[in-house]
C-alpha atoms as a PDB file:
ATOM      1  CA  MET A   1      27.342 -20.237   7.986  1.00  0.00           C
ATOM      2  CA  ASP A   2      27.960 -16.501   8.166  1.00  0.00           C
ATOM      3  CA  ARG A   3      25.256 -14.325   6.314  1.00  0.00           C
ATOM      4  CA  ARG A   4      28.140 -12.386   4.795  1.00  0.00           C
ATOM      5  CA  HIS A   5      29.199 -15.377   2.867  1.00  0.00           C
ATOM      6  CA  PHE A   6      26.206 -15.883   0.691  1.00  0.00           C
ATOM      7  CA  LEU A   7      24.175 -12.627   0.564  1.00  0.00           C
ATOM      8  CA  VAL A   8      25.224 -10.104  -1.817  1.00  0.00           C
ATOM      9  CA  THR A   9      22.213  -7.936  -1.949  1.00  0.00           C
ATOM     10  CA  LEU A  10      18.584  -8.626  -1.060  1.00  0.00           C
ATOM     11  CA  GLY A  11      17.448  -5.848  -3.585  1.00  0.00           C
ATOM     12  CA  THR A  12      14.248  -4.048  -2.987  1.00  0.00           C
ATOM     13  CA  VAL A  13      10.821  -5.112  -2.123  1.00  0.00           C
ATOM     14  CA  ALA A  14       7.700  -3.729  -3.944  1.00  0.00           C
ATOM     15  CA  ILE A  15       4.219  -4.397  -3.062  1.00  0.00           C
ATOM     16  CA  ALA A  16       1.712  -4.931  -5.946  1.00  0.00           C
ATOM     17  CA  GLY A  17      -1.648  -6.076  -6.946  1.00  0.00           C
ATOM     18  CA  CYS A  18      -4.743  -7.455  -5.219  1.00  0.00           C
ATOM     19  CA  SER A  19      -6.432 -10.692  -6.176  1.00  0.00           C
ATOM     20  CA  SER A  20      -8.885 -13.256  -4.459  1.00  0.00           C
ATOM     21  CA  SER A  21      -9.127 -16.874  -4.780  1.00  0.00           C
ATOM     22  CA  SER A  22     -12.686 -18.470  -5.334  1.00  0.00           C
ATOM     23  CA  GLY A  23     -15.139 -17.623  -2.751  1.00  0.00           C
ATOM     24  CA  SER A  24     -14.084 -14.134  -2.014  1.00  0.00           C
ATOM     25  CA  ASP A  25     -14.719 -10.745  -3.105  1.00  0.00           C
ATOM     26  CA  GLN A  26     -12.582  -9.516  -6.169  1.00  0.00           C
ATOM     27  CA  THR A  27     -11.711  -6.104  -4.846  1.00  0.00           C
ATOM     28  CA  PRO A  28     -10.240  -5.087  -1.568  1.00  0.00           C
ATOM     29  CA  ASN A  29     -13.009  -2.494  -0.927  1.00  0.00           C
ATOM     30  CA  GLN A  30     -15.357  -5.327  -0.320  1.00  0.00           C
ATOM     31  CA  ASP A  31     -13.777  -6.086   2.959  1.00  0.00           C
ATOM     32  CA  PRO A  32     -16.614  -6.476   5.647  1.00  0.00           C
ATOM     33  CA  THR A  33     -14.528  -4.588   8.185  1.00  0.00           C
ATOM     34  CA  GLN A  34     -14.158  -1.539   5.992  1.00  0.00           C
ATOM     35  CA  THR A  35     -15.287   1.837   6.946  1.00  0.00           C
ATOM     36  CA  ALA A  36     -17.034   3.634   4.267  1.00  0.00           C
ATOM     37  CA  THR A  37     -15.286   5.840   1.716  1.00  0.00           C
ATOM     38  CA  PRO A  38     -16.604   9.330   2.050  1.00  0.00           C
ATOM     39  CA  THR A  39     -17.408  11.075  -1.342  1.00  0.00           C
ATOM     40  CA  PHE A  40     -17.939  14.677  -2.061  1.00  0.00           C
ATOM     41  CA  ALA A  41     -19.924  16.116  -5.006  1.00  0.00           C
ATOM     42  CA  ALA A  42     -21.821  19.317  -5.746  1.00  0.00           C
ATOM     43  CA  PRO A  43     -25.757  18.726  -5.530  1.00  0.00           C
ATOM     44  CA  THR A  44     -27.543  18.725  -8.949  1.00  0.00           C
ATOM     45  CA  GLU A  45     -31.266  18.975  -9.545  1.00  0.00           C
ATOM     46  CA  GLU A  46     -32.866  15.713  -9.871  1.00  0.00           C
ATOM     47  CA  GLY A  47     -32.773  14.254 -13.530  1.00  0.00           C
ATOM     48  CA  THR A  48     -30.519  17.081 -14.586  1.00  0.00           C
ATOM     49  CA  ALA A  49     -26.898  16.461 -15.439  1.00  0.00           C
ATOM     50  CA  LYS A  50     -24.194  19.245 -15.271  1.00  0.00           C
ATOM     51  CA  SER A  51     -22.464  20.275 -18.476  1.00  0.00           C
ATOM     52  CA  PRO A  52     -18.602  20.182 -18.324  1.00  0.00           C
ATOM     53  CA  SER A  53     -18.562  23.982 -18.089  1.00  0.00           C
ATOM     54  CA  GLN A  54     -20.676  23.782 -14.913  1.00  0.00           C
ATOM     55  CA  ILE A  55     -18.726  21.475 -13.020  1.00  0.00           C
ATOM     56  CA  ASP A  56     -16.470  22.994 -10.450  1.00  0.00           C
ATOM     57  CA  PRO A  57     -12.730  22.222 -11.437  1.00  0.00           C
ATOM     58  CA  PHE A  58     -11.706  22.215  -7.749  1.00  0.00           C
ATOM     59  CA  ALA A  59     -13.280  19.418  -5.894  1.00  0.00           C
ATOM     60  CA  LEU A  60     -12.135  16.920  -3.265  1.00  0.00           C
ATOM     61  CA  ASP A  61     -13.636  13.666  -4.463  1.00  0.00           C
ATOM     62  CA  THR A  62     -12.693  10.604  -2.368  1.00  0.00           C
ATOM     63  CA  ILE A  63     -10.532   9.955   0.842  1.00  0.00           C
ATOM     64  CA  SER A  64     -10.019   6.670   2.359  1.00  0.00           C
ATOM     65  CA  ALA A  65      -7.297   4.539   3.967  1.00  0.00           C
ATOM     66  CA  VAL A  66      -5.615   2.569   1.162  1.00  0.00           C
ATOM     67  CA  LEU A  67      -3.309  -0.595   0.865  1.00  0.00           C
ATOM     68  CA  GLY A  68      -0.199   1.376  -0.371  1.00  0.00           C
ATOM     69  CA  PRO A  69       1.019   3.743  -2.996  1.00  0.00           C
ATOM     70  CA  LEU A  70      -0.918   4.682  -5.888  1.00  0.00           C
ATOM     71  CA  ASP A  71       1.668   4.110  -8.350  1.00  0.00           C
ATOM     72  CA  GLY A  72      -0.092   2.385 -11.303  1.00  0.00           C
ATOM     73  CA  ASP A  73      -3.557   1.887 -12.315  1.00  0.00           C
ATOM     74  CA  GLU A  74      -4.860   1.776  -8.525  1.00  0.00           C
ATOM     75  CA  THR A  75      -7.240   4.385  -7.530  1.00  0.00           C
ATOM     76  CA  VAL A  76      -8.378   5.368  -4.007  1.00  0.00           C
ATOM     77  CA  ARG A  77     -11.621   3.576  -4.389  1.00  0.00           C
ATOM     78  CA  SER A  78      -9.995   0.247  -5.692  1.00  0.00           C
ATOM     79  CA  TYR A  79      -7.376   0.256  -3.170  1.00  0.00           C
ATOM     80  CA  ALA A  80      -9.606   1.311  -0.005  1.00  0.00           C
ATOM     81  CA  VAL A  81      -9.050  -0.756   3.068  1.00  0.00           C
ATOM     82  CA  GLY A  82     -10.788  -0.761   6.405  1.00  0.00           C
ATOM     83  CA  GLY A  83      -7.457  -1.411   8.610  1.00  0.00           C
ATOM     84  CA  PHE A  84      -4.000  -2.196   9.247  1.00  0.00           C
ATOM     85  CA  GLY A  85      -2.001  -4.339  11.657  1.00  0.00           C
ATOM     86  CA  VAL A  86      -0.125  -2.296  14.274  1.00  0.00           C
ATOM     87  CA  GLY A  87       3.484  -1.827  13.002  1.00  0.00           C
ATOM     88  CA  GLY A  88       2.407  -1.971   9.467  1.00  0.00           C
ATOM     89  CA  PRO A  89       2.534   1.150   7.124  1.00  0.00           C
ATOM     90  CA  VAL A  90      -0.522   3.187   7.085  1.00  0.00           C
ATOM     91  CA  TYR A  91      -1.494   5.306   3.819  1.00  0.00           C
ATOM     92  CA  VAL A  92      -4.390   7.608   3.355  1.00  0.00           C
ATOM     93  CA  GLY A  93      -5.552   8.021  -0.129  1.00  0.00           C
ATOM     94  CA  VAL A  94      -6.737  11.348  -1.543  1.00  0.00           C
ATOM     95  CA  SER A  95      -8.299  12.049  -4.918  1.00  0.00           C
ATOM     96  CA  GLY A  96      -9.818  15.276  -6.636  1.00  0.00           C
ATOM     97  CA  THR A  97      -9.766  17.613  -9.392  1.00  0.00           C
ATOM     98  CA  VAL A  98      -7.995  20.939  -9.657  1.00  0.00           C
ATOM     99  CA  PRO A  99      -7.850  23.653 -12.545  1.00  0.00           C
ATOM    100  CA  ASP A 100      -5.093  22.847 -15.060  1.00  0.00           C
ATOM    101  CA  ARG A 101      -2.283  25.248 -14.911  1.00  0.00           C
ATOM    102  CA  ASP A 102       0.774  25.680 -17.027  1.00  0.00           C
ATOM    103  CA  ASP A 103       3.086  27.267 -14.415  1.00  0.00           C
ATOM    104  CA  GLY A 104       3.510  24.268 -12.198  1.00  0.00           C
ATOM    105  CA  LEU A 105       1.920  23.546  -8.728  1.00  0.00           C
ATOM    106  CA  LEU A 106      -1.483  22.359  -8.925  1.00  0.00           C
ATOM    107  CA  ALA A 107      -2.424  21.168  -5.308  1.00  0.00           C
ATOM    108  CA  ARG A 108      -1.184  20.291  -1.883  1.00  0.00           C
ATOM    109  CA  THR A 109      -2.442  17.669   0.588  1.00  0.00           C
ATOM    110  CA  ARG A 110      -2.065  17.713   4.392  1.00  0.00           C
ATOM    111  CA  VAL A 111      -3.370  14.566   6.454  1.00  0.00           C
ATOM    112  CA  GLU A 112      -3.375  14.493  10.230  1.00  0.00           C
ATOM    113  CA  LEU A 113      -4.252  11.196  12.082  1.00  0.00           C
ATOM    114  CA  SER A 114      -5.749  11.184  15.600  1.00  0.00           C
ATOM    115  CA  ARG A 115      -7.000   8.726  18.193  1.00  0.00           C
ATOM    116  CA  ASN A 116      -9.657   9.732  20.754  1.00  0.00           C
ATOM    117  CA  GLY A 117      -8.795  13.285  19.998  1.00  0.00           C
ATOM    118  CA  SER A 118      -5.146  13.168  20.397  1.00  0.00           C
ATOM    119  CA  GLN A 119      -2.983  13.648  17.322  1.00  0.00           C
ATOM    120  CA  VAL A 120      -0.646  10.730  16.442  1.00  0.00           C
ATOM    121  CA  GLY A 121       0.733  11.880  13.220  1.00  0.00           C
ATOM    122  CA  SER A 122       0.870  14.628  10.653  1.00  0.00           C
ATOM    123  CA  ALA A 123       1.915  14.152   7.019  1.00  0.00           C
ATOM    124  CA  LYS A 124       4.179  16.781   5.202  1.00  0.00           C
ATOM    125  CA  VAL A 125       2.465  18.660   2.462  1.00  0.00           C
ATOM    126  CA  ARG A 126       2.538  16.685  -0.957  1.00  0.00           C
ATOM    127  CA  GLU A 127       2.933  18.851  -4.175  1.00  0.00           C
ATOM    128  CA  ILE A 128       1.272  17.680  -7.294  1.00  0.00           C
ATOM    129  CA  SER A 129       2.586  19.511 -10.566  1.00  0.00           C
ATOM    130  CA  SER A 130       0.977  19.910 -13.942  1.00  0.00           C
ATOM    131  CA  ALA A 131       4.072  18.058 -15.402  1.00  0.00           C
ATOM    132  CA  ALA A 132       2.814  14.865 -13.861  1.00  0.00           C
ATOM    133  CA  SER A 133      -0.952  15.371 -14.492  1.00  0.00           C
ATOM    134  CA  SER A 134      -1.406  17.250 -17.784  1.00  0.00           C
ATOM    135  CA  LYS A 135      -2.230  14.276 -19.879  1.00  0.00           C
ATOM    136  CA  ASN A 136      -5.370  13.688 -17.681  1.00  0.00           C
ATOM    137  CA  THR A 137      -6.916  17.047 -18.451  1.00  0.00           C
ATOM    138  CA  SER A 138     -10.546  16.981 -18.747  1.00  0.00           C
ATOM    139  CA  GLN A 139     -13.045  19.073 -21.101  1.00  0.00           C
ATOM    140  CA  ASN A 140     -13.722  21.605 -18.359  1.00  0.00           C
ATOM    141  CA  GLY A 141      -9.879  22.501 -17.936  1.00  0.00           C
ATOM    142  CA  SER A 142      -9.589  20.481 -14.654  1.00  0.00           C
ATOM    143  CA  VAL A 143      -7.119  17.735 -13.919  1.00  0.00           C
ATOM    144  CA  PRO A 144      -7.868  14.612 -11.863  1.00  0.00           C
ATOM    145  CA  VAL A 145      -5.195  14.116  -9.167  1.00  0.00           C
ATOM    146  CA  GLN A 146      -4.569  11.666  -6.486  1.00  0.00           C
ATOM    147  CA  THR A 147      -1.901  10.828  -3.956  1.00  0.00           C
ATOM    148  CA  ALA A 148      -1.444   8.408  -0.935  1.00  0.00           C
ATOM    149  CA  VAL A 149       0.238   9.869   2.091  1.00  0.00           C
ATOM    150  CA  ARG A 150       2.382   7.273   4.052  1.00  0.00           C
ATOM    151  CA  PHE A 151       2.685   6.944   7.727  1.00  0.00           C
ATOM    152  CA  PRO A 152       5.474   4.425   8.230  1.00  0.00           C
ATOM    153  CA  ASN A 153       6.157   4.132  11.841  1.00  0.00           C
ATOM    154  CA  THR A 154       3.081   2.727  13.647  1.00  0.00           C
ATOM    155  CA  GLY A 155       4.804   0.210  15.952  1.00  0.00           C
ATOM    156  CA  SER A 156       3.813   2.370  18.898  1.00  0.00           C
ATOM    157  CA  TRP A 157       0.200   2.838  18.038  1.00  0.00           C
ATOM    158  CA  LYS A 158      -2.563   1.278  20.087  1.00  0.00           C
ATOM    159  CA  ARG A 159      -5.441  -0.927  18.594  1.00  0.00           C
ATOM    160  CA  GLY A 160      -8.585   1.069  17.934  1.00  0.00           C
ATOM    161  CA  THR A 161     -10.213   3.414  15.376  1.00  0.00           C
ATOM    162  CA  TYR A 162      -8.168   6.297  14.044  1.00  0.00           C
ATOM    163  CA  SER A 163      -9.391   9.444  12.290  1.00  0.00           C
ATOM    164  CA  ALA A 164      -7.726  11.026   9.205  1.00  0.00           C
ATOM    165  CA  ASP A 165      -8.474  14.619   8.702  1.00  0.00           C
ATOM    166  CA  VAL A 166      -7.554  15.689   5.177  1.00  0.00           C
ATOM    167  CA  VAL A 167      -6.988  19.203   3.729  1.00  0.00           C
ATOM    168  CA  PHE A 168      -6.846  19.318   0.023  1.00  0.00           C
ATOM    169  CA  GLU A 169      -5.507  22.927  -1.130  1.00  0.00           C
ATOM    170  CA  LYS A 170      -5.432  24.478  -4.445  1.00  0.00           C
ATOM    171  CA  GLY A 171      -1.833  25.539  -5.583  1.00  0.00           C
ATOM    172  CA  LYS A 172      -1.217  29.258  -5.662  1.00  0.00           C
ATOM    173  CA  THR A 173      -4.478  30.582  -4.444  1.00  0.00           C
ATOM    174  CA  GLY A 174      -4.582  28.464  -1.165  1.00  0.00           C
ATOM    175  CA  GLU A 175      -8.280  27.587  -1.497  1.00  0.00           C
ATOM    176  CA  MET A 176      -9.203  24.561   0.650  1.00  0.00           C
ATOM    177  CA  ARG A 177     -11.535  21.480   0.782  1.00  0.00           C
ATOM    178  CA  GLN A 178     -11.659  19.374   3.975  1.00  0.00           C
ATOM    179  CA  ALA A 179     -12.980  15.959   4.953  1.00  0.00           C
ATOM    180  CA  THR A 180     -12.416  13.347   7.340  1.00  0.00           C
ATOM    181  CA  THR A 181     -12.301   9.463   7.309  1.00  0.00           C
ATOM    182  CA  SER A 182     -11.383   6.573   9.580  1.00  0.00           C
ATOM    183  CA  PHE A 183      -9.652   3.421   9.822  1.00  0.00           C
ATOM    184  CA  ASN A 184      -8.870   0.495  12.347  1.00  0.00           C
ATOM    185  CA  MET A 185      -5.512  -0.490  13.784  1.00  0.00           C
ATOM    186  CA  VAL A 186      -5.685  -4.280  14.638  1.00  0.00           C
ATOM    187  CA  ALA A 187      -3.466  -7.260  15.622  1.00  0.00           C
ATOM    188  CA  PRO A 188      -0.933  -8.134  12.878  1.00  0.00           C
ATOM    189  CA  LEU A 189      -1.280 -11.220  11.140  1.00  0.00           C
ATOM    190  CA  GLU A 190       0.533 -14.244  12.537  1.00  0.00           C
ATOM    191  CA  GLY A 191       0.415 -18.048  12.481  1.00  0.00           C
ATOM    192  CA  ASP A 192      -2.570 -19.195  10.646  1.00  0.00           C
ATOM    193  CA  ASP A 193      -3.988 -15.766  10.082  1.00  0.00           C
ATOM    194  CA  ALA A 194      -2.074 -15.790   6.544  1.00  0.00           C
ATOM    195  CA  THR A 195      -0.688 -18.429   4.183  1.00  0.00           C
ATOM    196  CA  LEU A 196       1.810 -18.314   1.310  1.00  0.00           C
ATOM    197  CA  VAL A 197      -0.416 -19.408  -1.623  1.00  0.00           C
ATOM    198  CA  ASN A 198       2.506 -18.974  -4.322  1.00  0.00           C
ATOM    199  CA  ALA A 199       6.238 -18.505  -4.656  1.00  0.00           C
ATOM    200  CA  ASP A 200       7.088 -17.268  -8.411  1.00  0.00           C
ATOM    201  CA  ILE A 201      10.645 -18.112  -8.450  1.00  0.00           C
ATOM    202  CA  PRO A 202      13.067 -18.815 -11.586  1.00  0.00           C
ATOM    203  CA  ASP A 203      13.768 -22.528 -12.054  1.00  0.00           C
ATOM    204  CA  SER A 204      17.606 -21.903 -11.623  1.00  0.00           C
ATOM    205  CA  VAL A 205      19.811 -19.038 -10.704  1.00  0.00           C
ATOM    206  CA  LYS A 206      23.627 -18.561 -11.083  1.00  0.00           C
ATOM    207  CA  PRO A 207      25.573 -17.193  -7.949  1.00  0.00           C
ATOM    208  CA  GLN A 208      25.954 -13.421  -8.046  1.00  0.00           C
ATOM    209  CA  GLU A 209      23.333 -13.164 -10.773  1.00  0.00           C
ATOM    210  CA  GLN A 210      20.409 -10.647 -10.264  1.00  0.00           C
ATOM    211  CA  PHE A 211      16.890 -11.812 -10.569  1.00  0.00           C
ATOM    212  CA  ASP A 212      13.459 -11.169  -9.377  1.00  0.00           C
ATOM    213  CA  TYR A 213      10.835 -13.323  -7.585  1.00  0.00           C
ATOM    214  CA  SER A 214       7.564 -12.553  -5.864  1.00  0.00           C
ATOM    215  CA  LEU A 215       5.560 -14.178  -3.019  1.00  0.00           C
ATOM    216  CA  THR A 216       1.664 -14.113  -2.989  1.00  0.00           C
ATOM    217  CA  LEU A 217       0.187 -14.161   0.485  1.00  0.00           C
ATOM    218  CA  ARG A 218      -3.477 -14.654   1.608  1.00  0.00           C
ATOM    219  CA  ASN A 219      -5.029 -13.184   4.609  1.00  0.00           C
ATOM    220  CA  THR A 220      -7.211 -15.989   5.836  1.00  0.00           C
ATOM    221  CA  SER A 221      -8.592 -13.963   8.795  1.00  0.00           C
ATOM    222  CA  ASP A 222     -11.853 -11.941   9.010  1.00  0.00           C
ATOM    223  CA  ARG A 223      -9.923  -8.516   9.581  1.00  0.00           C
ATOM    224  CA  SER A 224      -7.841  -6.238   7.296  1.00  0.00           C
ATOM    225  CA  SER A 225      -4.518  -6.209   8.626  1.00  0.00           C
ATOM    226  CA  SER A 226      -0.691  -6.634   7.885  1.00  0.00           C
ATOM    227  CA  VAL A 227       1.887  -9.245   7.796  1.00  0.00           C
ATOM    228  CA  LEU A 228       5.035  -8.045   9.524  1.00  0.00           C
ATOM    229  CA  SER A 229       7.665 -10.697   9.153  1.00  0.00           C
ATOM    230  CA  THR A 230      11.361 -11.271   9.659  1.00  0.00           C
ATOM    231  CA  LEU A 231      13.061 -13.625   7.350  1.00  0.00           C
ATOM    232  CA  ASP A 232      15.501 -16.678   8.048  1.00  0.00           C
ATOM    233  CA  VAL A 233      17.693 -18.342   5.628  1.00  0.00           C
ATOM    234  CA  ARG A 234      19.598 -21.610   5.636  1.00  0.00           C
ATOM    235  CA  GLN A 235      21.578 -23.896   3.187  1.00  0.00           C
ATOM    236  CA  ALA A 236      20.506 -27.464   2.940  1.00  0.00           C
ATOM    237  CA  GLY A 237      21.143 -29.170   6.369  1.00  0.00           C
ATOM    238  CA  GLY A 238      22.249 -26.029   7.965  1.00  0.00           C
ATOM    239  CA  ASP A 239      21.100 -23.849  10.779  1.00  0.00           C
ATOM    240  CA  TRP A 240      18.475 -20.954  10.345  1.00  0.00           C
ATOM    241  CA  ILE A 241      20.074 -17.496  10.114  1.00  0.00           C
ATOM    242  CA  GLN A 242      18.042 -14.384  10.609  1.00  0.00           C
ATOM    243  CA  LEU A 243      18.315 -11.661   8.161  1.00  0.00           C
ATOM    244  CA  ASN A 244      18.400  -8.841  10.556  1.00  0.00           C
ATOM    245  CA  ASP A 245      18.165  -5.973   7.898  1.00  0.00           C
ATOM    246  CA  PHE A 246      14.833  -7.573   6.477  1.00  0.00           C
ATOM    247  CA  LEU A 247      11.278  -7.040   7.380  1.00  0.00           C
ATOM    248  CA  LEU A 248       8.354  -7.776   5.039  1.00  0.00           C
ATOM    249  CA  ARG A 249       5.424  -5.417   5.959  1.00  0.00           C
ATOM    250  CA  LEU A 250       2.432  -6.313   3.641  1.00  0.00           C
ATOM    251  CA  ASN A 251      -1.071  -4.890   4.112  1.00  0.00           C
ATOM    252  CA  ILE A 252      -3.791  -7.452   3.184  1.00  0.00           C
ATOM    253  CA  PRO A 253      -7.574  -7.155   3.240  1.00  0.00           C
ATOM    254  CA  ALA A 254      -9.450  -9.949   4.975  1.00  0.00           C
ATOM    255  CA  GLN A 255      -9.846 -13.003   2.744  1.00  0.00           C
ATOM    256  CA  THR A 256      -7.669 -11.477   0.124  1.00  0.00           C
ATOM    257  CA  GLU A 257      -4.332 -12.135  -1.522  1.00  0.00           C
ATOM    258  CA  ARG A 258      -1.647  -9.659  -2.319  1.00  0.00           C
ATOM    259  CA  THR A 259       1.852  -9.979  -3.726  1.00  0.00           C
ATOM    260  CA  ALA A 260       5.231  -8.858  -2.700  1.00  0.00           C
ATOM    261  CA  HIS A 261       7.796  -8.485  -5.398  1.00  0.00           C
ATOM    262  CA  PHE A 262      11.559  -8.800  -4.579  1.00  0.00           C
ATOM    263  CA  ASN A 263      13.809  -7.055  -7.191  1.00  0.00           C
ATOM    264  CA  ASP A 264      17.375  -7.178  -8.077  1.00  0.00           C
ATOM    265  CA  VAL A 265      18.312 -10.014  -5.533  1.00  0.00           C
ATOM    266  CA  SER A 266      21.577 -11.791  -5.853  1.00  0.00           C
ATOM    267  CA  TYR A 267      23.442 -14.402  -3.758  1.00  0.00           C
ATOM    268  CA  GLN A 268      27.125 -15.421  -3.664  1.00  0.00           C
ATOM    269  CA  VAL A 269      26.980 -19.078  -2.995  1.00  0.00           C
ATOM    270  CA  GLY A 270      25.650 -21.970  -4.962  1.00  0.00           C
ATOM    271  CA  GLY A 271      23.080 -24.744  -3.824  1.00  0.00           C
ATOM    272  CA  ASP A 272      19.575 -24.370  -2.694  1.00  0.00           C
ATOM    273  CA  LEU A 273      18.589 -21.769  -0.296  1.00  0.00           C
ATOM    274  CA  GLU A 274      15.541 -22.246   1.986  1.00  0.00           C
ATOM    275  CA  PHE A 275      13.724 -19.143   3.504  1.00  0.00           C
ATOM    276  CA  ARG A 276      11.326 -18.864   6.062  1.00  0.00           C
ATOM    277  CA  LEU A 277       8.818 -16.092   6.840  1.00  0.00           C
ATOM    278  CA  ASN A 278       8.872 -16.416  10.561  1.00  0.00           C
ATOM    279  CA  ALA A 279       5.499 -14.443  11.522  1.00  0.00           C
ATOM    280  CA  ILE A 280       3.409 -16.939   9.658  1.00  0.00           C
ATOM    281  CA  ASP A 281       5.775 -20.209   9.545  1.00  0.00           C
ATOM    282  CA  GLU A 282       5.834 -20.371   5.674  1.00  0.00           C
ATOM    283  CA  THR A 283       9.006 -21.507   3.728  1.00  0.00           C
ATOM    284  CA  TYR A 284      10.101 -21.367   0.145  1.00  0.00           C
ATOM    285  CA  THR A 285      13.291 -22.341  -1.606  1.00  0.00           C
ATOM    286  CA  ILE A 286      15.438 -20.539  -4.274  1.00  0.00           C
ATOM    287  CA  PRO A 287      17.552 -22.890  -6.449  1.00  0.00           C
ATOM    288  CA  LEU A 288      21.085 -21.698  -7.006  1.00  0.00           C
ATOM    289  CA  SER A 289      23.326 -23.574  -9.315  1.00  0.00           C
ATOM    290  CA  GLU A 290      26.505 -24.813  -7.799  1.00  0.00           C
END
């Protein structure tokens, strides 16, 4: 069976959510291998709270390695993680506050990664505009902002501890705040390191009909890492065929579950299709009507 005869489009893969089964922590930043998340706050007199007018509207609050993009309700703190599998995407999250402006640019963020003093990557400047942040304006005229800077190509990186040097720059004026955090690069999750705990798949799908499904994987190891897996497919009784243009890359904290969402998927043939995540030897089936 040729892959072109049944595959119309694999659609897109979106990563979402963190959850835990019984007996493990409920948030990813409780990972026992995680490095501390540095925080930055102006000192105050003991027992005396600052009024909104006294708070510096430009501040770098938190930086940390994070699981992925901060697209929804995720924050740098809630998505903090201690490490990634070599080959998995690395994200560095930055959160702070900047003065509210009506004329556009609020802040820039630059992240440089290094290991043993040698630079391994540098992110492009990220611009944050008032249009995207104005609804979050606080009483003292500042806007909370956050972003996650992505480093996608880590296949040649060595295992070990990496430093992330962050520059948080105020738009227009160029005033800066700087800080450093660290994370670990470790072996990817393979074999019994991770399991497929749930496949949320429609009961029946028609050929050429677009649909969504999701897979929830659990990291059963004691290290934060990443599942990096190719995908094989076959019809009943047929031979496995590897989908060469597919690679699942999912960062998962230790002893925690995460979900990968596959959107706008469609297939040309009828009959059940069985899929296998090769890195962890887990299978699932998508039922297609004849």
